[in-house]
Amino acid sequence: MVAKASLVKLRDELLKKAKRRKVVTYQWISDELPSGVSVSGEELDDL
């Protein structure tokens, strides 16, 4: 199992990629993240 800290880091990297692409969708983020990791709507709103 991957440590939670590395999952958060992975999520942050994905958010940065999404920000560059300007195509942030809940589905895209969900597809990229391993199961059990979620991104809140508030975090996406910040992009």
N, C-alpha and C. Protein backbone atom coordinates (compact mmCIF):
# COMPACT_ATOMS: atom_id res chain seq x y z
N MET A 1 0.84 -1.20 0.00
CA MET A 1 0.00 0.00 0.00
C MET A 1 0.88 1.26 0.00
N VAL A 2 0.45 2.23 -0.74
CA VAL A 2 1.19 3.48 -0.84
C VAL A 2 0.86 4.36 0.37
N ALA A 3 1.87 5.01 0.89
CA ALA A 3 1.66 5.89 2.05
C ALA A 3 0.78 7.06 1.67
N LYS A 4 -0.02 7.50 2.63
CA LYS A 4 -0.95 8.60 2.38
C LYS A 4 -0.22 9.87 1.91
N ALA A 5 0.94 10.14 2.46
CA ALA A 5 1.69 11.35 2.08
C ALA A 5 2.02 11.34 0.59
N SER A 6 2.40 10.18 0.07
CA SER A 6 2.74 10.12 -1.35
C SER A 6 1.49 10.24 -2.21
N LEU A 7 0.35 9.79 -1.70
CA LEU A 7 -0.90 9.95 -2.44
C LEU A 7 -1.29 11.42 -2.53
N VAL A 8 -1.06 12.14 -1.45
CA VAL A 8 -1.35 13.58 -1.44
C VAL A 8 -0.42 14.28 -2.43
N LYS A 9 0.84 13.86 -2.45
CA LYS A 9 1.80 14.44 -3.39
C LYS A 9 1.36 14.16 -4.83
N LEU A 10 0.94 12.93 -5.08
CA LEU A 10 0.46 12.56 -6.40
C LEU A 10 -0.74 13.41 -6.80
N ARG A 11 -1.65 13.58 -5.87
CA ARG A 11 -2.84 14.39 -6.14
C ARG A 11 -2.45 15.83 -6.48
N ASP A 12 -1.51 16.38 -5.72
CA ASP A 12 -1.06 17.75 -5.98
C ASP A 12 -0.43 17.88 -7.36
N GLU A 13 0.36 16.88 -7.76
CA GLU A 13 0.98 16.91 -9.08
C GLU A 13 -0.09 16.85 -10.17
N LEU A 14 -1.10 16.03 -9.96
CA LEU A 14 -2.19 15.92 -10.93
C LEU A 14 -2.96 17.23 -11.03
N LEU A 15 -3.15 17.89 -9.91
CA LEU A 15 -3.84 19.18 -9.92
C LEU A 15 -3.04 20.21 -10.70
N LYS A 16 -1.72 20.16 -10.56
CA LYS A 16 -0.86 21.09 -11.31
C LYS A 16 -0.98 20.82 -12.80
N LYS A 17 -0.95 19.53 -13.18
CA LYS A 17 -1.10 19.17 -14.59
C LYS A 17 -2.44 19.65 -15.12
N ALA A 18 -3.46 19.42 -14.34
CA ALA A 18 -4.81 19.81 -14.75
C ALA A 18 -4.90 21.31 -14.93
N LYS A 19 -4.24 22.04 -14.06
CA LYS A 19 -4.26 23.49 -14.13
C LYS A 19 -3.61 23.96 -15.43
N ARG A 20 -2.50 23.33 -15.80
CA ARG A 20 -1.81 23.69 -17.04
C ARG A 20 -2.69 23.38 -18.25
N ARG A 21 -3.36 22.25 -18.19
CA ARG A 21 -4.20 21.83 -19.32
C ARG A 21 -5.48 22.63 -19.43
N LYS A 22 -5.91 23.23 -18.33
CA LYS A 22 -7.17 23.97 -18.29
C LYS A 22 -8.37 23.06 -18.58
N VAL A 23 -8.22 21.80 -18.30
CA VAL A 23 -9.34 20.88 -18.50
C VAL A 23 -9.56 20.09 -17.22
N VAL A 24 -9.91 20.80 -16.19
CA VAL A 24 -10.13 20.14 -14.92
C VAL A 24 -11.56 19.62 -14.85
N THR A 25 -11.68 18.33 -14.74
CA THR A 25 -13.00 17.74 -14.54
C THR A 25 -12.89 16.75 -13.39
N TYR A 26 -13.97 16.59 -12.68
CA TYR A 26 -13.96 15.63 -11.58
C TYR A 26 -13.62 14.24 -12.10
N GLN A 27 -14.18 13.89 -13.26
CA GLN A 27 -13.95 12.57 -13.81
C GLN A 27 -12.48 12.36 -14.15
N TRP A 28 -11.86 13.37 -14.77
CA TRP A 28 -10.45 13.24 -15.14
C TRP A 28 -9.58 13.04 -13.91
N ILE A 29 -9.82 13.86 -12.89
CA ILE A 29 -9.06 13.72 -11.65
C ILE A 29 -9.30 12.35 -11.03
N SER A 30 -10.54 11.92 -11.00
CA SER A 30 -10.88 10.62 -10.42
C SER A 30 -10.21 9.48 -11.16
N ASP A 31 -10.17 9.58 -12.49
CA ASP A 31 -9.55 8.53 -13.30
C ASP A 31 -8.05 8.45 -13.05
N GLU A 32 -7.42 9.58 -12.80
CA GLU A 32 -5.97 9.62 -12.62
C GLU A 32 -5.55 9.18 -11.22
N LEU A 33 -6.40 9.40 -10.24
CA LEU A 33 -6.04 9.07 -8.87
C LEU A 33 -6.31 7.61 -8.55
N PRO A 34 -5.46 7.02 -7.71
CA PRO A 34 -5.73 5.66 -7.27
C PRO A 34 -7.00 5.63 -6.43
N SER A 35 -7.62 4.48 -6.34
CA SER A 35 -8.86 4.39 -5.56
C SER A 35 -8.59 4.75 -4.11
N GLY A 36 -9.57 5.37 -3.49
CA GLY A 36 -9.43 5.74 -2.09
C GLY A 36 -8.90 7.15 -1.89
N VAL A 37 -8.53 7.82 -3.00
CA VAL A 37 -8.05 9.20 -2.89
C VAL A 37 -9.06 10.09 -3.58
N SER A 38 -9.44 11.14 -2.91
CA SER A 38 -10.44 12.02 -3.51
C SER A 38 -9.96 13.47 -3.51
N VAL A 39 -10.57 14.24 -4.38
CA VAL A 39 -10.27 15.66 -4.46
C VAL A 39 -11.58 16.39 -4.21
N SER A 40 -11.55 17.33 -3.30
CA SER A 40 -12.78 18.06 -3.00
C SER A 40 -13.07 19.10 -4.06
N GLY A 41 -14.32 19.47 -4.17
CA GLY A 41 -14.72 20.49 -5.12
C GLY A 41 -14.03 21.81 -4.84
N GLU A 42 -13.80 22.09 -3.57
CA GLU A 42 -13.14 23.35 -3.20
C GLU A 42 -11.73 23.41 -3.76
N GLU A 43 -11.03 22.29 -3.75
CA GLU A 43 -9.67 22.27 -4.29
C GLU A 43 -9.70 22.53 -5.79
N LEU A 44 -10.67 21.96 -6.47
CA LEU A 44 -10.77 22.18 -7.92
C LEU A 44 -11.17 23.62 -8.22
N ASP A 45 -12.00 24.20 -7.38
CA ASP A 45 -12.42 25.58 -7.59
C ASP A 45 -11.24 26.55 -7.52
N ASP A 46 -10.20 26.16 -6.80
CA ASP A 46 -9.02 27.02 -6.66
C ASP A 46 -8.18 27.08 -7.93
N LEU A 47 -8.39 26.17 -8.83
CA LEU A 47 -7.55 26.11 -10.03
C LEU A 47 -7.85 27.22 -11.00
